[in-house]
Every structure is written in C-alpha cells, then in structure tokens.
Amino acid sequence: MKLLRYGSPGRERPGLLDSVGRIRDLSGIVGDIDGAALAPASLERLRAVDPASLPLVPGTPRLGPCVGSVSKVLAIGLNYRLHAQEAGMPIPGEPIFFLKALSSICGPNDDVIIPRGSIKTDYEVELAIVIGATARYVSVEDAHKHIAGYCIVNDVSEREYQIERGGQWTKGKSCDTFCPMGPWLVTADEVGDAGKLQVKTEVNGELRQNSNSSDLIFGIAKIVSYCSEFMTLNPGDVIPTGTPSGVAMGFKPPKFLKAGDRMRLSIDGLGEQNQLLVAYEG
C-alpha cells in the first residue's frame, strides 16, 4: 500500500494511492496516517479494504508529510561509504545518529526555506524507515517485525550551522522545512528489499546524487536494532538512513543551494519530491 496525507498544513486527511495513481480518502477508516494506523493489526485491516470502495479525492491537493504525529525523527549520519569519503571522514564503527526537530517536518513538495543569512544550505536524499511496532532492545533478526514501511526524506542541512557552530549536527538539521517527507509511505511488503533501491537528487535538472541503498554501511535491520538499544522507537517514528555521495558540500567548489533553485528527489518505488528554494522572510 501507498499511504499518504493530503490537505492544507495542519489539517491533512489520511489517504491511499490506488493502482492507477488516484488519491482515495481513508478518513472513514482511520483518523490519520500515524502510529496507531501503522500498527501491524491496523495495516492488516487497511489491506483488506477495496480501494475502489473509498471516496475519490478530486483534483490535485497538496500532499502533506506522509506520517502524522511523529514522536521523533532519528537520522543516521555518514551511512554511505562514498559519502563518508567525500566528507573526508572515516567509515564509522557504529551508526551515528542525531535528532531533527519535529518543527522541521513539511510536505514533500512544500517550499524549502533558506535560513536567514545562510550560504551553505545543502540537500540529502534519504531512504527513511517508518516504525510500525514499538521497538526496545530489538535483535537484528526481529527488526523487520517493527517496520511499517519506507518513505523519502530530504535531510536538508545548513553546513555552517552543522560543522562550524560548535559541532552540534542538530543545529544544522532542524530549521523550518528542513525535513520534507513523502510523497507517501510505502508498506514494507510492497517495497521488498529496501537494501537495493536507487536514490537520486537533481538540482535544476542536474543529476547530483545517483546511488543505491546497497552502499549503506549499516543496513536497515542493523539500524533499527542499534537505535532501539538507546531509546524506545515508537510507532510512527521516522529514521532517515543516511545520504549517498553527491551532496553540495562535496563538490569543488561546493554547489550550495540558493533561492530559486529547485530540487527533485526520487527513490525506486517510493515516488519523488519536488521543492523550490525560497529565501527566509521576516
């Protein structure tokens, strides 16, 4: 299934994408695409619903972040071998993770705001895990039982804030609109092997990132198991798994984003995002 949320910011309704790409309204079945809806028993009930029986949503409404009421975005850093090399950093011995502020979450096609005075805003296409069942001290072998599905996250980053302002990655990862999520959550059964998906980013039509999740240093099951050692993973939590090489800061000279640029991000089977960069006003 491809689950989504549509409507104006803060007033999104739950939906499902049918086999021919039309949005069907799910609000008569679930209140939201959130942790409760993503629990294993709830997903089984949704699978039993005939999409043709659901109301068809007219037009082309705005798509919101594909998961609502997220309790945390726990992002993995330096998890592609070639990205670690381009960043000039050693291959991690254990997963590196950091939190993105929940206020950074936005829809997959919403404008991305360049922070006031920023000259080092960057993009990061990421395959994100969405948790479906509470995970606490989960083994690698059982990790799949706790995954509801996957989606695209753009881990937008301000590199000066991240690297040059005291070493706190969260500073550079948490500005408003720095976590576009969606367009939809694809359930794990439909994705199949998430370790073999092509991931891409284009900026103004130029292909910048073009890699495969097979280059992940730590795989999907390891990430879920490892993170669950340090904190409880709740249904609806989102774990971006790292970005491949080709980020703006990796070019010589760097190709940081500016107002008027447009990003297009895609992952096999998970759809695509399109965002316009705009300057902060206020």
Protein backbone atom coordinates (compact mmCIF):
# COMPACT_ATOMS: atom_id res chain seq x y z
CA MET A 1 0.00 0.00 0.00
CA LYS A 2 0.93 3.61 -0.57
CA LEU A 3 -0.39 5.68 2.32
CA LEU A 4 -0.40 9.47 2.31
CA ARG A 5 -1.80 12.61 3.91
CA TYR A 6 -3.35 15.40 1.89
CA GLY A 7 -4.72 18.87 2.52
CA SER A 8 -3.58 22.18 3.95
CA PRO A 9 -0.79 22.27 6.57
CA GLY A 10 -2.03 21.13 9.95
CA ARG A 11 -5.34 19.91 8.50
CA GLU A 12 -4.20 16.90 6.48
CA ARG A 13 -6.52 13.95 5.93
CA PRO A 14 -5.45 10.31 5.56
CA GLY A 15 -5.40 8.85 2.08
CA LEU A 16 -4.32 5.93 -0.06
CA LEU A 17 -2.93 5.93 -3.58
CA ASP A 18 -4.81 3.45 -5.74
CA SER A 19 -3.34 1.30 -8.51
CA VAL A 20 -3.80 3.99 -11.16
CA GLY A 21 -2.35 6.84 -9.10
CA ARG A 22 -5.56 8.40 -7.76
CA ILE A 23 -5.93 9.51 -4.16
CA ARG A 24 -8.63 7.74 -2.15
CA ASP A 25 -9.84 9.17 1.16
CA LEU A 26 -9.24 6.98 4.23
CA SER A 27 -10.80 9.24 6.87
CA GLY A 28 -13.76 6.87 7.22
CA ILE A 29 -11.34 4.07 8.17
CA VAL A 30 -8.55 5.76 10.18
CA GLY A 31 -8.18 9.16 11.79
CA ASP A 32 -4.69 9.79 10.43
CA ILE A 33 -1.64 8.04 9.00
CA ASP A 34 0.05 7.93 12.38
CA GLY A 35 1.46 5.41 14.82
CA ALA A 36 -1.93 3.86 15.56
CA ALA A 37 -2.73 3.42 11.86
CA LEU A 38 0.68 1.90 11.21
CA ALA A 39 0.46 -0.81 13.85
CA PRO A 40 0.53 -4.31 12.33
CA ALA A 41 -3.13 -5.09 13.09
CA SER A 42 -4.25 -1.76 11.65
CA LEU A 43 -2.25 -2.27 8.45
CA GLU A 44 -3.87 -5.68 8.03
CA ARG A 45 -7.30 -4.07 8.26
CA LEU A 46 -6.30 -1.47 5.67
CA ARG A 47 -5.04 -4.18 3.30
CA ALA A 48 -8.49 -5.79 3.43
CA VAL A 49 -10.17 -2.60 2.18
CA ASP A 50 -11.02 -2.41 -1.52
CA PRO A 51 -9.57 0.93 -2.71
CA ALA A 52 -12.45 1.25 -5.19
CA SER A 53 -14.84 1.44 -2.24
CA LEU A 54 -13.14 4.56 -0.87
CA PRO A 55 -14.14 8.11 -1.86
CA LEU A 56 -12.10 9.50 -4.73
CA VAL A 57 -10.33 12.77 -3.90
CA PRO A 58 -10.82 15.28 -6.72
CA GLY A 59 -8.13 17.48 -8.23
CA THR A 60 -4.52 17.58 -7.14
CA PRO A 61 -4.46 18.51 -3.46
CA ARG A 62 -1.31 19.43 -1.58
CA LEU A 63 0.46 16.40 -0.13
CA GLY A 64 1.46 16.72 3.50
CA PRO A 65 4.19 14.76 5.28
CA CYS A 66 3.19 11.14 4.87
CA VAL A 67 3.30 10.38 8.62
CA GLY A 68 1.43 12.41 11.23
CA SER A 69 2.07 12.85 14.96
CA VAL A 70 5.69 11.74 14.65
CA SER A 71 7.34 11.47 18.08
CA LYS A 72 10.88 11.69 16.70
CA VAL A 73 12.96 11.85 13.54
CA LEU A 74 16.10 9.89 14.35
CA ALA A 75 18.50 10.36 11.45
CA ILE A 76 21.58 8.29 10.66
CA GLY A 77 24.72 10.14 9.57
CA LEU A 78 27.62 9.08 7.33
CA ASN A 79 25.98 5.81 6.38
CA TYR A 80 27.03 5.56 2.72
CA ARG A 81 30.62 4.59 2.07
CA LEU A 82 31.20 7.09 -0.74
CA HIS A 83 29.56 9.93 1.20
CA ALA A 84 31.89 9.35 4.15
CA GLN A 85 34.80 9.52 1.73
CA GLU A 86 33.63 12.77 0.11
CA ALA A 87 33.15 14.29 3.58
CA GLY A 88 36.73 13.33 4.45
CA MET A 89 35.62 11.30 7.45
CA PRO A 90 36.45 7.72 8.44
CA ILE A 91 33.93 4.91 7.99
CA PRO A 92 32.01 4.79 11.30
CA GLY A 93 32.48 1.77 13.52
CA GLU A 94 28.95 2.17 14.85
CA PRO A 95 25.93 4.04 13.47
CA ILE A 96 25.99 7.79 14.08
CA PHE A 97 22.60 9.31 14.78
CA PHE A 98 21.10 12.70 15.59
CA LEU A 99 17.63 14.15 16.04
CA LYS A 100 15.89 16.54 13.67
CA ALA A 101 13.38 18.91 15.28
CA LEU A 102 9.78 17.94 14.63
CA SER A 103 9.13 21.55 13.57
CA SER A 104 11.33 20.89 10.52
CA ILE A 105 8.83 18.40 9.04
CA CYS A 106 6.95 19.53 5.94
CA GLY A 107 5.27 18.13 2.86
CA PRO A 108 7.25 16.58 0.00
CA ASN A 109 6.58 19.43 -2.41
CA ASP A 110 6.45 22.36 0.01
CA ASP A 111 8.91 25.21 -0.45
CA VAL A 112 12.18 24.83 1.45
CA ILE A 113 13.19 27.99 3.29
CA ILE A 114 16.85 29.00 3.28
CA PRO A 115 17.59 30.28 6.80
CA ARG A 116 18.30 33.97 7.28
CA GLY A 117 21.87 34.72 6.20
CA SER A 118 22.62 31.13 5.16
CA ILE A 119 25.08 30.49 2.33
CA LYS A 120 25.65 26.77 2.94
CA THR A 121 22.23 25.12 2.63
CA ASP A 122 22.53 21.58 1.28
CA TYR A 123 20.32 18.65 0.22
CA GLU A 124 20.41 14.97 1.25
CA VAL A 125 18.09 12.39 -0.30
CA GLU A 126 17.45 9.60 2.20
CA LEU A 127 15.57 6.33 2.39
CA ALA A 128 13.62 6.56 5.65
CA ILE A 129 12.35 3.71 7.81
CA VAL A 130 8.93 4.20 9.42
CA ILE A 131 8.37 2.24 12.62
CA GLY A 132 5.12 0.29 12.98
CA ALA A 133 5.53 -1.54 16.29
CA THR A 134 7.25 -0.40 19.48
CA ALA A 135 10.93 -1.38 19.40
CA ARG A 136 13.05 -1.71 22.51
CA TYR A 137 16.23 -3.83 22.57
CA VAL A 138 15.23 -5.49 19.30
CA SER A 139 17.51 -8.06 17.69
CA VAL A 140 18.69 -7.69 14.11
CA GLU A 141 16.75 -10.85 13.25
CA ASP A 142 13.48 -9.40 14.59
CA ALA A 143 13.92 -5.84 13.35
CA HIS A 144 11.68 -6.35 10.30
CA LYS A 145 8.72 -7.05 12.58
CA HIS A 146 8.86 -3.44 13.76
CA ILE A 147 8.94 -1.73 10.36
CA ALA A 148 5.68 -0.43 8.86
CA GLY A 149 7.25 0.85 5.66
CA TYR A 150 9.51 3.36 3.99
CA CYS A 151 9.41 6.86 2.55
CA ILE A 152 11.67 9.56 1.13
CA VAL A 153 13.11 12.22 3.42
CA ASN A 154 15.18 15.18 2.28
CA ASP A 155 17.56 15.74 5.19
CA VAL A 156 18.11 19.39 4.30
CA SER A 157 21.20 20.70 6.10
CA GLU A 158 22.88 24.02 6.78
CA ARG A 159 26.57 23.11 6.78
CA GLU A 160 27.87 26.17 8.63
CA TYR A 161 25.42 25.52 11.47
CA GLN A 162 26.22 21.81 11.41
CA ILE A 163 30.01 21.94 11.23
CA GLU A 164 31.23 25.41 12.16
CA ARG A 165 28.95 26.37 15.05
CA GLY A 166 30.15 24.15 17.89
CA GLY A 167 29.87 20.70 16.40
CA GLN A 168 26.18 20.08 17.08
CA TRP A 169 24.70 18.46 13.97
CA THR A 170 21.15 19.09 15.15
CA LYS A 171 21.70 22.84 14.72
CA GLY A 172 22.22 22.39 11.01
CA LYS A 173 19.41 19.89 10.53
CA SER A 174 16.42 21.40 12.28
CA CYS A 175 15.46 24.66 10.59
CA ASP A 176 11.86 25.04 9.47
CA THR A 177 11.10 23.00 6.30
CA PHE A 178 14.37 21.02 6.62
CA CYS A 179 12.55 17.65 6.68
CA PRO A 180 10.34 17.19 3.59
CA MET A 181 8.71 13.78 3.99
CA GLY A 182 6.81 11.72 1.42
CA PRO A 183 5.07 11.78 -1.02
CA TRP A 184 3.75 8.58 0.51
CA LEU A 185 4.65 5.81 2.89
CA VAL A 186 5.03 2.50 1.06
CA THR A 187 4.41 -0.51 3.27
CA ALA A 188 7.30 -2.90 3.74
CA ASP A 189 5.59 -5.78 1.93
CA GLU A 190 5.33 -3.69 -1.24
CA VAL A 191 8.90 -2.35 -1.09
CA GLY A 192 10.55 -5.76 -0.83
CA ASP A 193 14.33 -5.47 -0.37
CA ALA A 194 14.92 -1.92 0.83
CA GLY A 195 18.66 -2.54 0.57
CA LYS A 196 18.58 -2.44 -3.23
CA LEU A 197 16.87 0.85 -4.13
CA GLN A 198 18.21 3.55 -6.43
CA VAL A 199 18.30 7.00 -4.80
CA LYS A 200 18.67 10.25 -6.77
CA THR A 201 18.74 14.02 -6.41
CA GLU A 202 18.57 16.58 -9.19
CA VAL A 203 19.11 20.30 -8.70
CA ASN A 204 17.83 22.50 -11.53
CA GLY A 205 17.84 19.40 -13.74
CA GLU A 206 21.47 18.49 -12.92
CA LEU A 207 21.86 14.97 -11.51
CA ARG A 208 23.80 15.40 -8.26
CA GLN A 209 23.17 12.19 -6.31
CA ASN A 210 22.78 8.82 -8.02
CA SER A 211 23.45 5.82 -5.82
CA ASN A 212 21.87 2.70 -4.39
CA SER A 213 20.93 1.73 -0.86
CA SER A 214 23.22 -1.28 -1.32
CA ASP A 215 26.04 1.18 -0.46
CA LEU A 216 24.72 1.57 3.08
CA ILE A 217 27.38 0.87 5.68
CA PHE A 218 24.80 -0.26 8.25
CA GLY A 219 21.74 -1.97 6.78
CA ILE A 220 18.07 -1.49 7.64
CA ALA A 221 17.81 -4.24 10.27
CA LYS A 222 21.04 -3.18 11.97
CA ILE A 223 19.85 0.43 12.19
CA VAL A 224 16.55 -0.48 13.84
CA SER A 225 18.22 -2.88 16.25
CA TYR A 226 21.02 -0.46 17.14
CA CYS A 227 18.79 2.57 17.69
CA SER A 228 16.45 0.53 19.88
CA GLU A 229 19.33 -0.04 22.31
CA PHE A 230 19.44 3.66 23.17
CA MET A 231 15.78 4.73 23.08
CA THR A 232 12.34 3.30 22.55
CA LEU A 233 11.22 3.53 18.95
CA ASN A 234 7.52 4.36 18.81
CA PRO A 235 5.07 3.55 16.03
CA GLY A 236 5.23 6.39 13.53
CA ASP A 237 8.85 7.29 14.31
CA VAL A 238 10.90 8.05 11.20
CA ILE A 239 14.54 7.02 10.71
CA PRO A 240 16.28 8.54 7.67
CA THR A 241 19.10 6.10 6.94
CA GLY A 242 21.79 8.43 5.54
CA THR A 243 22.58 10.05 2.22
CA PRO A 244 24.86 8.98 -0.65
CA SER A 245 27.68 10.96 -2.19
CA GLY A 246 26.98 13.99 -4.34
CA VAL A 247 25.88 16.49 -1.72
CA ALA A 248 26.56 20.17 -2.42
CA MET A 249 29.46 20.46 0.03
CA GLY A 250 31.23 17.55 -1.68
CA PHE A 251 31.80 19.45 -4.94
CA LYS A 252 34.90 21.54 -5.56
CA PRO A 253 33.86 24.29 -5.35
CA PRO A 254 30.72 23.47 -3.34
CA LYS A 255 27.33 23.82 -5.04
CA PHE A 256 25.22 25.07 -2.16
CA LEU A 257 21.56 25.88 -2.69
CA LYS A 258 20.21 29.37 -3.33
CA ALA A 259 16.78 30.92 -3.63
CA GLY A 260 15.14 29.95 -6.91
CA ASP A 261 16.83 26.53 -7.12
CA ARG A 262 14.59 23.50 -7.49
CA MET A 263 15.26 20.04 -6.08
CA ARG A 264 13.86 16.76 -7.36
CA LEU A 265 14.46 13.68 -5.22
CA SER A 266 13.42 10.13 -6.01
CA ILE A 267 13.81 6.58 -4.73
CA ASP A 268 12.74 3.45 -6.62
CA GLY A 269 9.14 2.62 -5.74
CA LEU A 270 8.77 5.45 -3.24
CA GLY A 271 7.87 8.28 -5.61
CA GLU A 272 9.52 11.67 -5.85
CA GLN A 273 9.69 15.04 -4.15
CA ASN A 274 9.95 18.46 -5.80
CA GLN A 275 10.90 21.54 -3.79
CA LEU A 276 11.58 25.18 -4.61
CA LEU A 277 14.17 27.01 -2.51
CA VAL A 278 12.96 30.33 -1.16
CA ALA A 279 14.66 32.97 0.99
CA TYR A 280 13.60 33.48 4.58
CA GLU A 281 11.32 36.45 5.03
CA GLY A 282 10.67 38.02 8.39
